[in-house]
C-alpha atoms as a PDB file:
ATOM      1  CA  GLY A   1      24.821  35.132   7.435  1.00  0.00           C
ATOM      2  CA  LYS A   2      27.660  35.030   9.872  1.00  0.00           C
ATOM      3  CA  VAL A   3      30.912  37.260  10.575  1.00  0.00           C
ATOM      4  CA  HIS A   4      34.103  35.552  10.482  1.00  0.00           C
ATOM      5  CA  LYS A   5      37.682  36.660  11.067  1.00  0.00           C
ATOM      6  CA  VAL A   6      39.508  37.390   7.886  1.00  0.00           C
ATOM      7  CA  PRO A   7      42.788  35.116   7.849  1.00  0.00           C
ATOM      8  CA  ALA A   8      45.838  37.751   8.083  1.00  0.00           C
ATOM      9  CA  ASN A   9      48.667  35.174   7.768  1.00  0.00           C
ATOM     10  CA  GLU A  10      49.413  31.464   6.886  1.00  0.00           C
ATOM     11  CA  SER A  11      48.885  30.262  10.619  1.00  0.00           C
ATOM     12  CA  GLU A  12      45.358  31.729  10.691  1.00  0.00           C
ATOM     13  CA  ALA A  13      44.550  30.498   7.414  1.00  0.00           C
ATOM     14  CA  VAL A  14      45.016  27.009   8.648  1.00  0.00           C
ATOM     15  CA  ARG A  15      42.742  27.495  11.604  1.00  0.00           C
ATOM     16  CA  SER A  16      40.101  29.494   9.762  1.00  0.00           C
ATOM     17  CA  PRO A  17      36.617  27.936   9.316  1.00  0.00           C
ATOM     18  CA  LEU A  18      36.118  29.705   6.151  1.00  0.00           C
ATOM     19  CA  MET A  19      37.960  27.066   4.042  1.00  0.00           C
ATOM     20  CA  GLY A  20      37.948  23.310   3.863  1.00  0.00           C
ATOM     21  CA  LEU A  21      41.047  21.332   4.498  1.00  0.00           C
ATOM     22  CA  PHE A  22      42.639  21.395   0.964  1.00  0.00           C
ATOM     23  CA  GLU A  23      41.781  25.033   0.506  1.00  0.00           C
ATOM     24  CA  LYS A  24      43.411  25.963   3.811  1.00  0.00           C
ATOM     25  CA  ARG A  25      46.830  24.494   2.414  1.00  0.00           C
ATOM     26  CA  ARG A  26      46.484  26.310  -0.759  1.00  0.00           C
ATOM     27  CA  CYS A  27      45.667  29.654   0.691  1.00  0.00           C
ATOM     28  CA  ARG A  28      48.411  28.959   3.372  1.00  0.00           C
ATOM     29  CA  ASN A  29      50.859  28.483   0.464  1.00  0.00           C
ATOM     30  CA  PHE A  30      49.511  31.647  -1.277  1.00  0.00           C
ATOM     31  CA  LEU A  31      50.147  33.811   1.773  1.00  0.00           C
ATOM     32  CA  ILE A  32      53.494  32.379   2.445  1.00  0.00           C
ATOM     33  CA  TYR A  33      54.521  33.254  -1.147  1.00  0.00           C
ATOM     34  CA  VAL A  34      53.173  36.800  -0.874  1.00  0.00           C
ATOM     35  CA  SER A  35      55.132  37.404   2.472  1.00  0.00           C
ATOM     36  CA  GLU A  36      58.397  36.081   1.101  1.00  0.00           C
ATOM     37  CA  TYR A  37      58.237  37.477  -2.464  1.00  0.00           C
ATOM     38  CA  ARG A  38      60.731  40.181  -2.901  1.00  0.00           C
ATOM     39  CA  GLN A  39      61.092  41.651  -6.481  1.00  0.00           C
ATOM     40  CA  ASP A  40      64.763  42.324  -6.281  1.00  0.00           C
ATOM     41  CA  GLN A  41      65.400  38.647  -5.069  1.00  0.00           C
ATOM     42  CA  PRO A  42      64.801  36.070  -8.093  1.00  0.00           C
ATOM     43  CA  LYS A  43      65.076  33.190  -5.787  1.00  0.00           C
ATOM     44  CA  THR A  44      61.772  34.248  -3.890  1.00  0.00           C
ATOM     45  CA  HIS A  45      59.964  34.246  -7.383  1.00  0.00           C
ATOM     46  CA  ASP A  46      59.389  30.473  -7.664  1.00  0.00           C
ATOM     47  CA  GLY A  47      59.087  30.706 -11.443  1.00  0.00           C
ATOM     48  CA  LYS A  48      56.497  33.240 -11.394  1.00  0.00           C
ATOM     49  CA  ASP A  49      56.454  37.070 -12.126  1.00  0.00           C
ATOM     50  CA  PRO A  50      53.773  38.966 -10.276  1.00  0.00           C
ATOM     51  CA  THR A  51      54.738  42.018 -12.225  1.00  0.00           C
ATOM     52  CA  ARG A  52      53.438  40.485 -15.431  1.00  0.00           C
ATOM     53  CA  MET A  53      50.912  37.804 -14.171  1.00  0.00           C
ATOM     54  CA  THR A  54      47.379  39.300 -13.550  1.00  0.00           C
ATOM     55  CA  MET A  55      45.886  38.486 -10.271  1.00  0.00           C
ATOM     56  CA  ARG A  56      43.340  36.254 -11.789  1.00  0.00           C
ATOM     57  CA  ASP A  57      46.188  33.990 -13.279  1.00  0.00           C
ATOM     58  CA  MET A  58      48.001  34.198  -9.843  1.00  0.00           C
ATOM     59  CA  TYR A  59      44.765  32.721  -8.130  1.00  0.00           C
ATOM     60  CA  LYS A  60      44.636  30.209 -10.729  1.00  0.00           C
ATOM     61  CA  GLU A  61      48.303  29.293 -10.099  1.00  0.00           C
ATOM     62  CA  TYR A  62      47.262  28.439  -6.474  1.00  0.00           C
ATOM     63  CA  ASP A  63      43.878  26.900  -7.450  1.00  0.00           C
ATOM     64  CA  LEU A  64      41.999  29.144  -4.936  1.00  0.00           C
ATOM     65  CA  ASP A  65      38.444  29.012  -5.163  1.00  0.00           C
ATOM     66  CA  VAL A  66      35.936  32.040  -5.559  1.00  0.00           C
ATOM     67  CA  ASP A  67      35.117  32.559  -1.930  1.00  0.00           C
ATOM     68  CA  THR A  68      38.883  32.655  -1.027  1.00  0.00           C
ATOM     69  CA  GLN A  69      39.529  34.935  -3.720  1.00  0.00           C
ATOM     70  CA  THR A  70      36.829  37.278  -2.341  1.00  0.00           C
ATOM     71  CA  PHE A  71      38.077  37.635   1.206  1.00  0.00           C
ATOM     72  CA  ILE A  72      41.577  38.125  -0.125  1.00  0.00           C
ATOM     73  CA  GLY A  73      40.633  40.728  -2.541  1.00  0.00           C
ATOM     74  CA  HIS A  74      38.074  42.681  -0.723  1.00  0.00           C
ATOM     75  CA  ALA A  75      38.795  42.068   2.999  1.00  0.00           C
ATOM     76  CA  MET A  76      42.546  41.960   2.920  1.00  0.00           C
ATOM     77  CA  ALA A  77      43.588  43.896  -0.150  1.00  0.00           C
ATOM     78  CA  LEU A  78      40.375  46.136   0.405  1.00  0.00           C
ATOM     79  CA  TYR A  79      39.370  46.443  -3.466  1.00  0.00           C
ATOM     80  CA  LEU A  80      35.840  47.867  -4.085  1.00  0.00           C
ATOM     81  CA  ASP A  81      35.369  45.728  -7.250  1.00  0.00           C
ATOM     82  CA  ASP A  82      36.950  42.993  -9.123  1.00  0.00           C
ATOM     83  CA  LYS A  83      38.775  45.113 -11.585  1.00  0.00           C
ATOM     84  CA  TYR A  84      41.823  44.182  -9.688  1.00  0.00           C
ATOM     85  CA  LEU A  85      41.727  40.739 -11.102  1.00  0.00           C
ATOM     86  CA  ASP A  86      42.968  41.897 -14.513  1.00  0.00           C
ATOM     87  CA  ARG A  87      45.757  44.075 -13.139  1.00  0.00           C
ATOM     88  CA  PRO A  88      49.375  43.038 -12.472  1.00  0.00           C
ATOM     89  CA  ALA A  89      49.462  40.673  -9.367  1.00  0.00           C
ATOM     90  CA  ILE A  90      52.131  42.598  -7.663  1.00  0.00           C
ATOM     91  CA  GLU A  91      49.744  45.440  -6.738  1.00  0.00           C
ATOM     92  CA  THR A  92      47.627  43.135  -4.660  1.00  0.00           C
ATOM     93  CA  PHE A  93      50.790  41.721  -3.216  1.00  0.00           C
ATOM     94  CA  GLN A  94      51.508  45.267  -1.798  1.00  0.00           C
ATOM     95  CA  ARG A  95      47.933  45.870  -0.464  1.00  0.00           C
ATOM     96  CA  ILE A  96      48.072  42.283   1.117  1.00  0.00           C
ATOM     97  CA  ARG A  97      51.364  42.944   2.783  1.00  0.00           C
ATOM     98  CA  LEU A  98      50.394  46.226   4.049  1.00  0.00           C
ATOM     99  CA  TYR A  99      47.485  44.734   5.798  1.00  0.00           C
ATOM    100  CA  THR A 100      49.574  41.761   7.261  1.00  0.00           C
ATOM    101  CA  ASP A 101      52.383  44.252   8.152  1.00  0.00           C
ATOM    102  CA  SER A 102      50.082  46.550   9.878  1.00  0.00           C
ATOM    103  CA  ILE A 103      48.743  43.867  12.130  1.00  0.00           C
ATOM    104  CA  ALA A 104      52.472  42.876  12.999  1.00  0.00           C
ATOM    105  CA  ARG A 105      53.235  46.460  13.735  1.00  0.00           C
ATOM    106  CA  PHE A 106      50.529  47.162  15.899  1.00  0.00           C
ATOM    107  CA  ALA A 107      50.693  43.769  17.869  1.00  0.00           C
ATOM    108  CA  SER A 108      54.348  44.403  18.714  1.00  0.00           C
ATOM    109  CA  GLN A 109      53.206  47.488  20.455  1.00  0.00           C
ATOM    110  CA  SER A 110      50.305  45.796  22.484  1.00  0.00           C
ATOM    111  CA  PRO A 111      49.421  42.251  22.879  1.00  0.00           C
ATOM    112  CA  ASP A 112      45.824  43.085  22.495  1.00  0.00           C
ATOM    113  CA  ALA A 113      46.214  44.879  19.259  1.00  0.00           C
ATOM    114  CA  LYS A 114      45.364  42.105  16.472  1.00  0.00           C
ATOM    115  CA  SER A 115      43.936  44.705  13.894  1.00  0.00           C
ATOM    116  CA  PRO A 116      45.470  46.411  11.050  1.00  0.00           C
ATOM    117  CA  TYR A 117      43.384  49.337  11.921  1.00  0.00           C
ATOM    118  CA  ILE A 118      44.119  52.178  14.557  1.00  0.00           C
ATOM    119  CA  TYR A 119      42.097  54.591  16.017  1.00  0.00           C
ATOM    120  CA  PRO A 120      43.285  57.881  17.794  1.00  0.00           C
ATOM    121  CA  LEU A 121      43.294  57.473  21.587  1.00  0.00           C
ATOM    122  CA  TYR A 122      41.241  60.795  22.078  1.00  0.00           C
ATOM    123  CA  GLY A 123      39.120  60.571  19.044  1.00  0.00           C
ATOM    124  CA  LEU A 124      39.398  61.663  15.335  1.00  0.00           C
ATOM    125  CA  GLY A 125      40.078  65.256  16.360  1.00  0.00           C
ATOM    126  CA  GLU A 126      43.597  63.971  16.932  1.00  0.00           C
ATOM    127  CA  LEU A 127      43.932  63.656  13.251  1.00  0.00           C
ATOM    128  CA  PRO A 128      44.033  67.124  12.145  1.00  0.00           C
ATOM    129  CA  GLN A 129      46.156  68.032  15.219  1.00  0.00           C
ATOM    130  CA  SER A 130      48.679  65.632  14.138  1.00  0.00           C
ATOM    131  CA  PHE A 131      48.819  67.167  10.582  1.00  0.00           C
ATOM    132  CA  ALA A 132      49.005  70.669  12.302  1.00  0.00           C
ATOM    133  CA  ARG A 133      52.105  69.356  14.490  1.00  0.00           C
ATOM    134  CA  LEU A 134      53.886  67.943  11.452  1.00  0.00           C
ATOM    135  CA  SER A 135      53.147  71.116   9.485  1.00  0.00           C
ATOM    136  CA  VAL A 136      54.848  73.250  12.186  1.00  0.00           C
ATOM    137  CA  ILE A 137      57.930  71.010  11.906  1.00  0.00           C
ATOM    138  CA  PHE A 138      58.182  71.221   8.092  1.00  0.00           C
ATOM    139  CA  SER A 139      57.575  74.992   7.980  1.00  0.00           C
ATOM    140  CA  GLY A 140      53.905  74.733   6.835  1.00  0.00           C
ATOM    141  CA  THR A 141      51.336  77.318   7.002  1.00  0.00           C
ATOM    142  CA  PHE A 142      47.602  76.810   8.229  1.00  0.00           C
ATOM    143  CA  MET A 143      44.924  79.439   7.155  1.00  0.00           C
ATOM    144  CA  LEU A 144      41.848  79.134   9.025  1.00  0.00           C
ATOM    145  CA  ARG A 145      38.394  80.333   8.271  1.00  0.00           C
ATOM    146  CA  LYS A 146      39.525  81.035   4.759  1.00  0.00           C
ATOM    147  CA  PRO A 147      36.904  80.146   2.154  1.00  0.00           C
ATOM    148  CA  VAL A 148      38.016  78.430  -1.083  1.00  0.00           C
ATOM    149  CA  ASP A 149      36.942  80.708  -3.968  1.00  0.00           C
ATOM    150  CA  GLU A 150      38.815  79.039  -6.799  1.00  0.00           C
ATOM    151  CA  ILE A 151      41.464  76.285  -7.650  1.00  0.00           C
ATOM    152  CA  VAL A 152      44.033  77.919  -9.771  1.00  0.00           C
ATOM    153  CA  TYR A 153      45.291  75.803 -12.764  1.00  0.00           C
ATOM    154  CA  GLU A 154      48.290  76.486 -15.136  1.00  0.00           C
ATOM    155  CA  GLY A 155      48.517  74.371 -18.109  1.00  0.00           C
ATOM    156  CA  GLY A 156      45.857  72.074 -16.949  1.00  0.00           C
ATOM    157  CA  LYS A 157      47.686  71.542 -13.499  1.00  0.00           C
ATOM    158  CA  ALA A 158      46.468  72.754 -10.280  1.00  0.00           C
ATOM    159  CA  VAL A 159      49.163  75.114  -8.851  1.00  0.00           C
ATOM    160  CA  GLY A 160      47.304  77.042  -5.986  1.00  0.00           C
ATOM    161  CA  VAL A 161      44.150  77.940  -4.200  1.00  0.00           C
ATOM    162  CA  ARG A 162      42.647  81.541  -4.275  1.00  0.00           C
ATOM    163  CA  SER A 163      40.742  82.971  -1.252  1.00  0.00           C
ATOM    164  CA  GLU A 164      39.436  86.251  -0.538  1.00  0.00           C
ATOM    165  CA  GLY A 165      41.834  87.872  -3.146  1.00  0.00           C
ATOM    166  CA  GLU A 166      44.990  85.889  -2.018  1.00  0.00           C
ATOM    167  CA  THR A 167      46.439  83.019  -3.676  1.00  0.00           C
ATOM    168  CA  ALA A 168      48.345  80.342  -2.064  1.00  0.00           C
ATOM    169  CA  ARG A 169      50.677  78.684  -4.475  1.00  0.00           C
ATOM    170  CA  CYS A 170      51.656  74.887  -4.220  1.00  0.00           C
ATOM    171  CA  LYS A 171      53.080  71.809  -6.016  1.00  0.00           C
ATOM    172  CA  PHE A 172      49.591  70.169  -5.828  1.00  0.00           C
ATOM    173  CA  VAL A 173      46.309  70.430  -4.190  1.00  0.00           C
ATOM    174  CA  VAL A 174      44.470  67.700  -1.942  1.00  0.00           C
ATOM    175  CA  GLY A 175      40.795  68.154  -1.624  1.00  0.00           C
ATOM    176  CA  ASP A 176      37.307  66.750  -1.515  1.00  0.00           C
ATOM    177  CA  PRO A 177      36.066  65.963  -5.035  1.00  0.00           C
ATOM    178  CA  SER A 178      33.460  68.455  -4.550  1.00  0.00           C
ATOM    179  CA  TYR A 179      36.191  71.088  -5.188  1.00  0.00           C
ATOM    180  CA  PHE A 180      36.969  69.638  -8.674  1.00  0.00           C
ATOM    181  CA  SER A 181      33.441  68.940  -9.917  1.00  0.00           C
ATOM    182  CA  ASP A 182      34.634  69.625 -13.358  1.00  0.00           C
ATOM    183  CA  LYS A 183      37.476  67.190 -13.327  1.00  0.00           C
ATOM    184  CA  VAL A 184      35.715  64.206 -11.667  1.00  0.00           C
ATOM    185  CA  ARG A 185      32.769  61.972 -12.317  1.00  0.00           C
ATOM    186  CA  LYS A 186      30.939  59.359 -10.165  1.00  0.00           C
ATOM    187  CA  THR A 187      31.371  55.778 -11.472  1.00  0.00           C
ATOM    188  CA  GLY A 188      30.376  53.713  -8.540  1.00  0.00           C
ATOM    189  CA  GLN A 189      29.574  53.902  -4.849  1.00  0.00           C
ATOM    190  CA  GLY A 190      31.069  51.737  -1.863  1.00  0.00           C
ATOM    191  CA  ILE A 191      29.506  51.339   1.381  1.00  0.00           C
ATOM    192  CA  ARG A 192      31.404  50.398   4.460  1.00  0.00           C
ATOM    193  CA  ALA A 193      30.558  50.851   8.228  1.00  0.00           C
ATOM    194  CA  ILE A 194      32.554  51.133  11.517  1.00  0.00           C
ATOM    195  CA  CYS A 195      30.768  49.578  14.441  1.00  0.00           C
ATOM    196  CA  LEU A 196      31.691  50.306  17.978  1.00  0.00           C
ATOM    197  CA  LEU A 197      30.638  47.205  20.183  1.00  0.00           C
ATOM    198  CA  SER A 198      30.929  46.429  23.669  1.00  0.00           C
ATOM    199  CA  HIS A 199      31.951  42.741  23.105  1.00  0.00           C
ATOM    200  CA  PRO A 200      33.842  40.866  20.483  1.00  0.00           C
ATOM    201  CA  ILE A 201      31.763  39.492  17.653  1.00  0.00           C
ATOM    202  CA  PRO A 202      31.106  35.525  17.675  1.00  0.00           C
ATOM    203  CA  ASN A 203      33.147  33.391  15.365  1.00  0.00           C
ATOM    204  CA  THR A 204      35.936  35.878  15.062  1.00  0.00           C
ATOM    205  CA  ASP A 205      38.234  34.281  17.648  1.00  0.00           C
ATOM    206  CA  ASN A 206      37.591  37.109  20.188  1.00  0.00           C
ATOM    207  CA  MET A 207      39.194  39.590  18.018  1.00  0.00           C
ATOM    208  CA  PRO A 208      38.978  43.174  19.367  1.00  0.00           C
ATOM    209  CA  SER A 209      38.802  44.872  15.940  1.00  0.00           C
END
């Protein structure tokens, strides 16, 4: 198969080789509707209610074919499966707008930035350093080289972490699922990859990412 650039807005939809002439128009109209829709502005609703319509019904409203639904749902909204089709369309709208808004935001910072994804300038080690700096600003505390002995629960809610006889209390705990083995279960598996290349991929309009 071939790798193609995913249309991120109505103008790219018109130029995309992924769709035929009429499908391009339908996809363009759909993306325009998503970008202009405002929940608190009824004049943008065009007689539709994405908070009540499922995404499956919204696709039917614009008569989008299965292939177009696939790249919208999985390449733009980044869903791992098709369960979203029976969820309120507004949830997918929010994901699509996050994708397109990210492209617009980064493109405004650099003319070469045509991707919704960012990568730290000096590598992934910059991410924990950023969290550390923000933590200092908001009076947070970092505890290094402290093993997690136990997640403390009260009334079924996580309220702290116990380590070497000490307990750090909190409003909520963020952690890898392995720390909550009795609270989670594996229901599926998604595989994604990041490839670092020295050149653009053919058929992607020379996109850098």
